[in-house]
Protein backbone atom coordinates (compact mmCIF):
# COMPACT_ATOMS: atom_id res chain seq x y z
CA MET A 1 1.08 -22.89 267.48
CA LYS A 2 0.17 -26.40 267.96
CA ARG A 3 0.68 -29.51 265.73
CA PHE A 4 -2.42 -31.59 265.12
CA LEU A 5 -3.12 -35.44 265.83
CA PHE A 6 -5.97 -37.08 264.45
CA LEU A 7 -7.49 -39.82 266.87
CA ALA A 8 -10.54 -42.13 266.41
CA THR A 9 -11.49 -39.87 263.29
CA THR A 10 -13.53 -40.91 260.23
CA ILE A 11 -12.22 -39.52 256.90
CA VAL A 12 -15.03 -38.23 254.79
CA PRO A 13 -14.80 -40.10 251.56
CA PHE A 14 -13.40 -37.28 249.25
CA LEU A 15 -10.77 -34.78 248.73
CA MET A 16 -10.99 -31.38 248.13
CA ALA A 17 -9.57 -29.80 245.18
CA THR A 18 -6.48 -28.61 247.30
CA GLY A 19 -5.99 -32.10 248.29
CA GLN A 20 -7.04 -31.40 252.03
CA GLN A 21 -8.81 -34.38 253.82
CA VAL A 22 -12.19 -33.62 255.54
CA GLN A 23 -12.07 -35.48 259.10
CA LYS A 24 -15.43 -36.18 260.74
CA PHE A 25 -15.38 -36.07 264.61
CA THR A 26 -18.29 -37.14 266.72
CA PHE A 27 -18.90 -35.72 270.22
CA ASN A 28 -22.36 -37.15 270.87
CA PRO A 29 -22.88 -40.56 269.51
CA ALA A 30 -26.58 -40.18 270.62
CA ASP A 31 -27.05 -37.74 267.94
CA SER A 32 -26.59 -38.77 264.47
CA SER A 33 -27.77 -35.61 263.03
CA SER A 34 -25.66 -32.68 264.59
CA GLY A 35 -23.58 -34.80 267.18
CA TYR A 36 -20.59 -34.45 265.05
CA TYR A 37 -18.52 -31.99 263.35
CA LEU A 38 -16.16 -31.82 259.96
CA ALA A 39 -12.64 -30.64 260.64
CA ILE A 40 -10.34 -29.22 257.72
CA PRO A 41 -6.45 -28.84 258.97
CA PRO A 42 -4.33 -26.35 257.60
CA ASN A 43 -1.86 -27.51 254.88
CA SER A 44 1.20 -27.03 257.24
CA GLY A 45 -0.05 -28.89 259.79
CA ASP A 46 0.65 -25.86 261.91
CA ILE A 47 -2.68 -24.57 263.73
CA ARG A 48 -2.29 -20.98 264.25
CA ALA A 49 -6.12 -20.09 264.55
CA ILE A 50 -9.36 -21.91 264.51
CA LEU A 51 -12.50 -20.92 262.18
CA VAL A 52 -15.63 -22.46 263.47
CA VAL A 53 -18.94 -22.01 261.44
CA PHE A 54 -22.22 -23.40 262.83
CA CYS A 55 -25.49 -23.91 260.55
CA ALA A 56 -28.84 -25.17 261.43
CA PHE A 57 -31.47 -27.87 260.23
CA ARG A 58 -28.78 -29.42 257.91
CA GLY A 59 -25.42 -31.24 258.51
CA PRO A 60 -21.95 -29.64 258.32
CA GLU A 61 -21.30 -31.48 255.02
CA SER A 62 -24.06 -28.75 253.57
CA ILE A 63 -21.29 -26.08 254.09
CA LEU A 64 -18.51 -27.64 251.98
CA PRO A 65 -19.71 -26.98 248.54
CA GLU A 66 -21.11 -23.53 249.16
CA THR A 67 -17.91 -21.84 250.40
CA LYS A 68 -14.35 -21.77 250.05
CA LEU A 69 -13.60 -20.27 253.68
CA HIS A 70 -11.80 -23.82 254.43
CA ASN A 71 -9.71 -23.46 251.36
CA VAL A 72 -8.54 -20.02 252.17
CA ALA A 73 -8.20 -20.65 255.99
CA ALA A 74 -6.27 -23.70 255.19
CA ALA A 75 -3.74 -21.76 253.25
CA ASN A 76 -3.33 -19.37 256.20
CA ASP A 77 -2.59 -22.15 258.81
CA MET A 78 -5.92 -22.19 260.13
CA LEU A 79 -8.12 -25.20 261.23
CA THR A 80 -11.53 -25.10 259.91
CA ILE A 81 -14.37 -26.62 261.88
CA TYR A 82 -17.99 -27.04 260.40
CA ALA A 83 -20.76 -28.02 262.73
CA SER A 84 -24.60 -27.82 263.02
CA ILE A 85 -26.80 -26.81 266.06
CA GLY A 86 -29.39 -29.01 264.58
CA ARG A 87 -33.14 -28.23 264.38
CA LYS A 88 -32.79 -25.29 266.87
CA VAL A 89 -33.87 -21.62 266.42
CA LEU A 90 -34.27 -20.38 270.11
CA PRO A 91 -30.80 -19.04 271.20
CA ASN A 92 -31.35 -20.74 274.34
CA LEU A 93 -29.22 -22.83 276.82
CA ASP A 94 -29.61 -26.05 274.89
CA ALA A 95 -28.41 -24.43 271.70
CA MET A 96 -25.03 -23.02 273.36
CA GLU A 97 -24.39 -26.10 275.16
CA GLN A 98 -24.47 -27.91 271.70
CA MET A 99 -21.96 -25.40 270.57
CA ASN A 100 -19.93 -25.84 273.91
CA GLN A 101 -19.62 -29.50 273.53
CA VAL A 102 -18.20 -28.97 269.81
CA PHE A 103 -15.56 -26.44 271.10
CA ARG A 104 -14.81 -28.44 274.27
CA HIS A 105 -13.95 -31.32 271.86
CA VAL A 106 -12.00 -29.14 269.41
CA VAL A 107 -9.88 -27.75 272.36
CA ALA A 108 -9.44 -31.37 273.67
CA GLN A 109 -8.59 -32.90 270.39
CA PHE A 110 -6.31 -30.19 268.76
CA LYS A 111 -4.71 -28.60 271.93
CA PRO A 112 -4.97 -25.23 270.24
CA ASP A 113 -4.62 -21.69 271.61
CA THR A 114 -8.23 -20.99 272.83
CA THR A 115 -7.48 -17.24 272.29
CA LYS A 116 -7.46 -17.72 268.55
CA PHE A 117 -11.03 -18.81 267.88
CA ALA A 118 -13.31 -17.18 265.28
CA VAL A 119 -17.04 -18.18 265.28
CA GLY A 120 -19.73 -17.78 262.62
CA GLY A 121 -23.33 -18.59 262.26
CA TYR A 122 -24.92 -19.07 259.18
CA ASP A 123 -28.92 -17.98 258.93
CA PHE A 124 -30.80 -19.41 261.86
CA ALA A 125 -27.72 -20.39 263.62
CA SER A 126 -26.43 -17.28 264.11
CA MET A 127 -28.63 -15.87 266.90
CA ALA A 128 -27.03 -18.96 268.93
CA VAL A 129 -23.51 -18.05 267.99
CA LEU A 130 -24.25 -14.40 269.15
CA ARG A 131 -25.58 -15.34 272.38
CA TYR A 132 -22.68 -17.86 272.98
CA ALA A 133 -20.31 -15.35 272.24
CA GLU A 134 -22.35 -12.69 274.52
CA GLU A 135 -22.36 -15.09 277.42
CA ALA A 136 -18.62 -15.90 277.07
CA TRP A 137 -17.75 -12.31 277.20
CA LYS A 138 -19.48 -11.76 280.14
CA ASN A 139 -18.82 -15.10 282.01
CA PRO A 140 -15.77 -16.41 280.51
CA ASP A 141 -14.89 -19.02 283.23
CA GLN A 142 -18.09 -20.83 282.26
CA TRP A 143 -17.62 -21.59 278.74
CA ALA A 144 -15.11 -23.25 276.47
CA ILE A 145 -13.86 -20.51 274.71
CA ARG A 146 -14.28 -16.94 274.23
CA PRO A 147 -14.03 -15.91 270.66
CA LYS A 148 -12.37 -12.37 269.96
CA ALA A 149 -14.09 -12.55 266.25
CA ILE A 150 -17.64 -13.26 265.61
CA PHE A 151 -19.68 -13.04 262.30
CA ASP A 152 -23.30 -13.71 261.18
CA ILE A 153 -23.92 -14.91 257.74
CA ALA A 154 -27.41 -13.50 256.63
CA GLY A 155 -29.14 -14.68 260.21
CA PRO A 156 -31.52 -12.85 262.46
CA VAL A 157 -30.41 -11.11 265.15
CA ASP A 158 -33.49 -9.95 267.07
CA LEU A 159 -35.50 -12.92 268.19
CA GLY A 160 -38.75 -10.93 268.84
CA ALA A 161 -38.44 -9.18 265.39
CA LEU A 162 -38.16 -12.84 263.89
CA VAL A 163 -41.40 -13.77 265.22
CA HIS A 164 -43.00 -10.56 264.02
CA LEU A 165 -41.61 -11.23 260.59
CA SER A 166 -42.79 -14.87 260.43
CA GLU A 167 -46.44 -13.65 261.47
CA ARG A 168 -46.10 -10.90 258.66
CA GLN A 169 -45.18 -13.41 256.00
CA ILE A 170 -47.84 -15.85 256.98
CA LYS A 171 -50.42 -12.92 256.85
CA LYS A 172 -49.02 -11.70 253.37
CA ASN A 173 -49.27 -15.24 252.15
CA TYR A 174 -47.42 -14.11 248.92
CA SER A 175 -44.16 -16.55 248.62
CA PRO A 176 -44.70 -20.34 249.44
CA PRO A 177 -41.22 -20.57 250.59
CA ALA A 178 -41.26 -17.88 252.98
CA VAL A 179 -44.41 -18.84 254.28
CA GLY A 180 -43.40 -22.14 254.72
CA ASP A 181 -40.48 -21.15 256.69
CA ALA A 182 -42.14 -18.85 258.66
CA LYS A 183 -44.69 -21.50 259.93
CA ALA A 184 -41.84 -23.73 260.53
CA ILE A 185 -39.97 -21.06 262.41
CA LEU A 186 -43.12 -20.41 264.80
CA GLY A 187 -43.69 -24.02 265.44
CA LEU A 188 -39.96 -24.49 266.53
CA LEU A 189 -40.09 -21.50 268.53
CA GLY A 190 -43.22 -22.32 270.51
CA LYS A 191 -44.66 -20.80 273.46
CA GLU A 192 -42.82 -17.33 274.33
CA PRO A 193 -40.29 -18.08 276.80
CA ALA A 194 -40.81 -16.78 280.26
CA GLY A 195 -39.51 -12.93 280.52
CA GLY A 196 -40.18 -12.59 277.09
CA TYR A 197 -37.77 -13.06 273.92
CA GLU A 198 -35.68 -10.29 275.05
CA THR A 199 -34.11 -12.53 277.66
CA LEU A 200 -32.71 -14.73 274.85
CA SER A 201 -32.28 -12.33 271.86
CA PRO A 202 -28.84 -11.51 271.32
CA PHE A 203 -30.22 -7.89 270.29
CA ASN A 204 -33.57 -6.38 271.19
CA SER A 205 -34.32 -3.28 268.68
CA ALA A 206 -37.60 -2.44 270.61
CA ASP A 207 -35.61 -1.56 273.52
CA PRO A 208 -33.79 1.44 273.17
CA GLY A 209 -31.36 0.80 276.03
CA PRO A 210 -28.24 -1.41 276.01
CA GLY A 211 -29.37 -5.27 275.86
CA ASN A 212 -27.57 -8.21 275.69
CA GLU A 213 -25.34 -7.02 272.72
CA GLN A 214 -23.11 -4.74 275.19
CA ALA A 215 -21.40 -7.48 276.13
CA LEU A 216 -19.66 -7.74 272.80
CA ARG A 217 -18.42 -4.14 273.21
CA HIS A 218 -14.70 -5.26 273.06
CA ALA A 219 -15.37 -8.17 270.28
CA ALA A 220 -14.98 -7.96 266.65
CA VAL A 221 -18.28 -8.32 265.45
CA ARG A 222 -19.46 -8.58 261.28
CA LEU A 223 -22.68 -8.86 260.08
CA TYR A 224 -23.09 -10.06 256.33
CA PHE A 225 -25.98 -9.39 254.31
CA ASP A 226 -27.13 -9.11 250.67
CA THR A 227 -28.77 -5.96 250.60
CA ASP A 228 -30.30 -6.11 247.24
CA ILE A 229 -33.71 -4.90 248.07
CA GLU A 230 -35.12 -4.82 244.53
CA TRP A 231 -34.51 -8.52 244.39
CA GLN A 232 -36.72 -8.59 247.94
CA LEU A 233 -39.34 -6.56 246.58
CA ARG A 234 -39.86 -8.19 243.25
CA GLU A 235 -39.57 -11.89 244.11
CA ARG A 236 -40.87 -12.00 247.90
CA ARG A 237 -42.37 -8.56 248.06
CA ASN A 238 -40.77 -7.85 251.04
CA GLY A 239 -39.59 -4.01 252.06
CA TYR A 240 -36.77 -3.23 254.39
CA TYR A 241 -38.65 -4.02 257.38
CA ASP A 242 -39.70 -7.63 256.19
CA THR A 243 -35.81 -8.34 256.09
CA TYR A 244 -33.34 -8.84 258.97
CA LEU A 245 -31.38 -5.75 257.48
CA PRO A 246 -32.89 -2.78 259.87
CA ASP A 247 -32.02 -4.76 262.97
CA ALA A 248 -28.75 -5.84 261.79
CA ALA A 249 -27.66 -2.32 261.18
CA GLU A 250 -29.64 -1.08 264.26
CA MET A 251 -27.36 -3.68 266.34
CA VAL A 252 -24.01 -2.65 264.79
CA GLU A 253 -24.89 1.10 265.47
CA ARG A 254 -25.31 0.52 269.25
CA LEU A 255 -22.14 -1.44 269.52
CA MET A 256 -20.40 1.39 267.97
CA LEU A 257 -22.25 3.69 270.24
CA GLU A 258 -20.92 1.36 273.23
CA GLY A 259 -17.46 2.15 272.14
CA ASN A 260 -16.83 -0.87 270.01
CA LYS A 261 -14.52 0.08 267.07
CA TRP A 262 -14.72 -3.37 265.68
CA ALA A 263 -18.49 -3.66 264.84
CA GLU A 264 -18.99 -3.88 261.23
CA PHE A 265 -22.17 -4.36 258.93
CA VAL A 266 -20.80 -5.81 255.50
CA SER A 267 -22.90 -5.44 252.43
CA SER A 268 -22.15 -8.26 249.82
CA LYS A 269 -20.29 -7.13 246.96
CA GLN A 270 -22.25 -9.77 244.86
CA PRO A 271 -25.72 -11.25 245.26
CA GLY A 272 -26.36 -14.26 247.10
CA MET A 273 -26.12 -17.41 245.19
CA ARG A 274 -25.91 -21.02 246.12
CA SER A 275 -23.97 -23.41 244.46
CA ASN A 276 -26.99 -25.03 242.71
CA GLY A 277 -27.35 -21.63 241.00
CA MET A 278 -30.25 -20.53 243.08
CA ARG A 279 -30.62 -16.99 243.69
CA ARG A 280 -30.99 -16.68 247.52
CA PRO A 281 -29.86 -13.64 249.80
CA SER A 282 -29.13 -16.32 252.64
CA ALA A 283 -26.10 -17.83 250.98
CA TYR A 284 -22.33 -18.25 252.07
CA ASN A 285 -21.04 -16.71 248.84
CA ILE A 286 -22.16 -13.25 250.11
CA VAL A 287 -18.86 -13.60 252.61
CA ASP A 288 -15.78 -12.69 250.41
CA GLU A 289 -13.70 -15.70 251.57
CA VAL A 290 -9.89 -13.88 251.50
CA ASP A 291 -11.34 -10.65 253.01
CA CYS A 292 -12.97 -12.66 255.68
CA ILE A 293 -9.92 -14.93 256.60
CA GLN A 294 -7.79 -11.80 256.57
CA TRP A 295 -10.12 -9.96 259.19
CA ILE A 296 -9.86 -12.96 261.28
CA LEU A 297 -5.94 -13.22 261.01
CA LYS A 298 -5.85 -9.26 261.66
CA THR A 299 -8.33 -9.53 264.67
CA LEU A 300 -6.71 -12.27 266.38
CA HIS A 301 -3.08 -11.11 265.84
CA VAL A 302 -2.16 -14.41 263.94
CA PHE A 303 1.20 -14.46 262.47
CA THR A 304 1.77 -16.50 259.15
CA PRO A 305 5.05 -16.97 257.78
CA SER A 306 3.87 -16.88 254.37
CA ASN A 307 2.87 -13.32 254.70
CA PRO A 308 4.56 -11.56 257.61
CA LEU A 309 4.09 -7.94 256.94
CA ALA A 310 0.28 -8.70 256.99
CA PHE A 311 0.76 -9.36 260.51
CA GLN A 312 -1.43 -6.97 262.71
CA ALA A 313 0.43 -6.79 265.87
CA PRO A 314 -1.34 -6.13 269.31
CA TYR A 315 1.56 -4.22 270.30
CA HIS A 316 3.21 -1.09 268.79
CA PHE A 317 6.96 -1.23 267.73
CA GLY A 318 7.72 1.97 265.61
CA LEU A 319 9.89 2.40 262.35
CA PRO A 320 11.61 5.38 262.27
CA GLU A 321 11.93 7.07 258.76
CA GLY A 322 14.83 5.35 256.39
CA TRP A 323 14.80 2.11 258.53
CA ARG A 324 13.84 -1.25 257.32
CA ILE A 325 11.65 -3.76 258.65
CA GLU A 326 11.77 -7.44 258.96
CA ARG A 327 9.46 -9.99 260.65
CA THR A 328 9.64 -13.47 261.18
CA THR A 329 8.81 -16.43 263.47
CA PHE A 330 11.30 -17.04 265.94
CA PRO A 331 13.57 -18.88 265.74
CA PRO A 332 14.44 -18.00 262.34
CA LEU A 333 14.79 -20.97 259.59
CA PHE A 334 18.72 -20.49 259.67
CA ALA A 335 18.87 -21.14 263.60
CA PRO A 336 16.04 -24.04 264.02
CA ASP A 337 17.70 -25.33 267.45
CA VAL A 338 17.10 -21.91 269.30
CA GLN A 339 14.83 -22.82 272.18
CA LEU A 340 12.99 -19.69 272.40
CA ARG A 341 9.75 -19.27 270.69
CA GLY A 342 7.56 -16.21 269.48
CA ILE A 343 7.99 -13.57 266.76
CA GLU A 344 11.04 -11.66 265.84
CA GLU A 345 10.46 -7.65 264.59
CA MET A 346 13.83 -6.25 263.47
CA ARG A 347 14.54 -2.65 262.74
CA PHE A 348 17.82 -1.85 260.38
CA PRO A 349 19.06 1.24 260.06
CA SER A 350 19.76 2.45 256.67
CA GLY A 351 23.72 2.00 257.46
CA TRP A 352 23.45 -1.46 258.66
CA GLY A 353 25.06 -3.06 255.68
CA VAL A 354 27.25 -0.12 254.40
CA ALA A 355 30.66 -0.53 255.18
CA GLY A 356 32.22 2.48 257.09
CA SER A 357 28.76 3.77 258.29
CA ASP A 358 28.52 4.63 261.84
CA GLU A 359 25.15 2.30 261.80
CA TYR A 360 27.29 -0.69 260.23
CA PHE A 361 26.08 -4.02 261.82
CA SER A 362 23.89 -2.12 264.28
CA VAL A 363 20.28 -3.18 264.88
CA SER A 364 17.14 -3.00 267.03
CA PHE A 365 14.75 -5.74 267.62
CA LEU A 366 11.88 -7.17 269.60
CA LEU A 367 11.15 -10.73 270.38
CA TRP A 368 7.36 -10.98 271.32
CA LEU A 369 8.03 -14.34 273.11
CA ASP A 370 5.17 -16.79 273.90
CA SER A 371 4.69 -16.79 277.69
CA GLY A 372 6.19 -19.42 280.20
CA GLN A 373 9.87 -19.30 278.78
CA THR A 374 12.75 -18.40 280.83
CA MET A 375 15.18 -15.59 280.24
CA ASN A 376 18.69 -15.42 282.46
CA GLU A 377 22.26 -15.10 281.17
CA SER A 378 22.81 -18.77 280.23
CA VAL A 379 19.43 -18.76 277.84
CA LEU A 380 20.68 -15.73 276.19
CA GLN A 381 24.50 -16.71 275.82
CA GLU A 382 23.11 -20.05 274.16
CA MET A 383 20.58 -18.33 272.01
CA PHE A 384 22.96 -15.72 270.77
CA ARG A 385 25.61 -18.51 270.23
CA ARG A 386 23.16 -20.64 267.96
CA TYR A 387 21.71 -17.74 266.39
CA PHE A 388 24.67 -16.23 265.11
CA ASP A 389 26.20 -19.65 264.24
CA GLY A 390 23.27 -20.32 262.05
CA LEU A 391 23.25 -16.79 260.45
CA ILE A 392 26.75 -16.81 259.45
CA SER A 393 26.94 -20.47 258.28
CA THR A 394 23.98 -19.75 255.83
CA SER A 395 25.32 -16.45 254.88
CA ILE A 396 28.70 -17.00 253.39
CA ALA A 397 30.04 -18.69 250.31
CA GLN A 398 30.78 -22.42 250.33
CA ASN A 399 34.21 -22.20 249.65
CA ALA A 400 34.73 -19.82 252.56
CA ARG A 401 33.33 -22.00 255.53
CA ASP A 402 37.08 -22.35 256.79
CA LYS A 403 37.09 -18.89 257.75
CA ILE A 404 33.99 -19.57 260.07
CA VAL A 405 34.87 -19.36 263.87
CA PRO A 406 32.72 -20.06 266.82
CA THR A 407 30.36 -17.12 268.18
CA LYS A 408 31.59 -16.49 271.65
CA VAL A 409 29.08 -14.62 273.59
CA GLN A 410 29.42 -13.25 277.49
CA MET A 411 26.47 -11.56 279.08
CA ARG A 412 25.68 -10.31 282.48
CA LYS A 413 22.81 -8.94 284.40
CA ILE A 414 23.09 -5.29 285.29
CA LYS A 415 20.95 -2.93 287.37
CA PRO A 416 17.50 -2.62 285.41
CA GLU A 417 16.87 0.40 283.23
CA PRO A 418 13.78 2.60 283.87
CA ASP A 419 10.67 0.36 282.74
CA ASP A 420 12.46 -2.68 282.54
CA LEU A 421 11.86 -6.10 284.57
CA ASP A 422 15.22 -6.98 283.99
CA THR A 423 18.34 -5.62 281.77
CA TYR A 424 21.42 -7.39 280.86
CA ALA A 425 24.71 -6.25 278.93
CA GLY A 426 27.21 -8.22 277.21
CA THR A 427 29.40 -8.70 274.10
CA ILE A 428 29.28 -11.13 271.07
CA ASP A 429 32.21 -12.10 269.20
CA ILE A 430 31.44 -13.19 265.43
CA LEU A 431 32.77 -13.54 262.03
CA ASP A 432 31.44 -10.45 259.97
CA TYR A 433 30.46 -12.29 257.23
CA MET A 434 30.16 -8.94 254.76
CA ALA A 435 33.93 -7.91 255.58
CA MET A 436 35.02 -11.51 256.32
CA LYS A 437 37.02 -10.48 259.47
CA PRO A 438 36.17 -10.69 263.31
CA LEU A 439 33.87 -8.42 264.74
CA ARG A 440 33.05 -7.62 268.33
CA GLN A 441 29.43 -6.39 269.13
CA ASN A 442 28.03 -4.71 272.24
CA VAL A 443 24.69 -5.87 273.34
CA LEU A 444 21.91 -4.82 275.57
CA VAL A 445 18.79 -6.98 276.44
CA HIS A 446 15.62 -5.47 278.40
CA ILE A 447 12.99 -7.83 279.45
CA LYS A 448 9.75 -5.88 279.93
CA ALA A 449 6.15 -6.61 281.07
CA CYS A 450 2.85 -6.27 279.59
CA ALA A 451 -0.94 -6.80 280.58
CA ASP A 452 -0.88 -9.42 277.89
CA LEU A 453 -0.12 -12.19 280.30
CA SER A 454 0.19 -14.68 277.25
CA HIS A 455 3.65 -12.90 275.86
CA ILE A 456 6.94 -11.36 277.09
CA PRO A 457 8.32 -8.32 275.10
CA VAL A 458 12.14 -8.71 275.16
CA PHE A 459 14.16 -5.78 273.37
CA PHE A 460 17.80 -6.14 271.98
CA GLU A 461 20.07 -3.42 271.07
CA ILE A 462 23.39 -4.51 269.15
CA SER A 463 25.91 -2.44 267.95
CA PRO A 464 29.93 -2.50 267.52
CA LYS A 465 29.82 1.12 268.67
CA PRO A 466 30.78 1.42 272.28
CA TYR A 467 27.98 2.36 274.78
CA ASP A 468 28.53 6.02 274.96
CA ASN A 469 28.07 6.63 271.41
CA VAL A 470 25.24 8.69 269.92
CA LEU A 471 24.07 5.61 267.89
CA TRP A 472 22.70 4.04 271.00
CA THR A 473 20.29 6.86 271.80
CA ASN A 474 18.50 5.88 268.32
CA LEU A 475 18.68 2.32 269.25
CA LYS A 476 16.95 3.02 272.78
CA ARG A 477 14.51 5.34 271.31
CA LEU A 478 12.45 2.27 269.81
CA LYS A 479 12.31 0.73 273.16
CA GLN A 480 11.03 3.72 274.67
CA GLN A 481 8.14 4.33 272.15
CA PHE A 482 7.07 0.88 272.65
CA SER A 483 3.74 -0.05 273.97
CA CYS A 484 1.96 -3.29 274.60
CA THR A 485 -1.23 -2.35 272.86
CA ASP A 486 -1.77 -1.27 269.09
């Protein structure tokens, strides 16, 4: 999570309906048409993920009236970036470097988590977006980011097929707009590049073997299209093979055959309509904004405090039958001075708050901590002290504040349990704010390791019962069933 700072920016002279400010950042002063991008920050000021959408042939201002993606993103702690690749159709190094400049500037300006990028391309910008993602997945060290969520809005995926379709539109000579676009495309493409179009194309439907698209077999890919073929036939005299639909569907199929579980062809639930009321299959509104943002949050494993149960964890942490789940950012609101940072997943047995129950005040929970944080006896003691002092002070009535006693914590490092990096044991003396009497809790802490080096999983088991009580078997079972992948 990063707080944003705006430096050397220009505020676009209007506010959106939500009161959001649109800010303009210039990364290439020599290019007045596409050497800048627009940034729409989240309402909270807390950047948890970044959505970047590229267009072509128009400035990024053209995107604002056509979609509410930025509004939904802002409400979910996401920074939105709108940018243009200019008058480019070829998804070549020039187009990808233009995008890379945008990403580098965004990373330098906002200091976001570079693993939390979702990138979309509209119409002709889609091929450059797909090619950038393919190259970034093949050679991540050579590119500013490696997007985990990539989407195409009504754009071609096969460069060779685009040439063929353009030539066919000119030959048919039926729809003046389609013929004009086809001539412009062929003019911008120019001479076929050395090695053929397939070397630059994100997908080559003519080649039955795996192509460039195989680099995305571990990425989430969505291709959005208006599939209303009746409109195409009636208005443009286009059959399926006069559209991008067959190539897009074939690309998704091949990704699936490569083992990609996250590749999707998304048919629009509504006809493509531009903000001026014109019916166009290539329109931003074919993307359901709420569904798209939720897909990004799920794919990037982004936790939003406003909707914690929607969090799609990158790990597996079970929930026994009859137990209750709570999930929040860490530290919680009642203990803001706790120094550790991450996500807290708690599991409460049914008897947690029942006086006389064997499960009374017993709990198991996971801290999914951001990497780079120290964990030892003194850190744990201070964390528990601040945590329970805050919890208790906010849980009892104002007129009972005189009964609060300071939390006392004793922790010691013990022999690591199987599969633990480190194991700690100790006691926590608190005021039982439900019974209003002193309570000693026994605690075990387990530091584990995952292949995901950006996080540290830490398990906690807490109960007033002694360690030899059968209750601890149930508490430990959650840790034993944990896995670092979902």
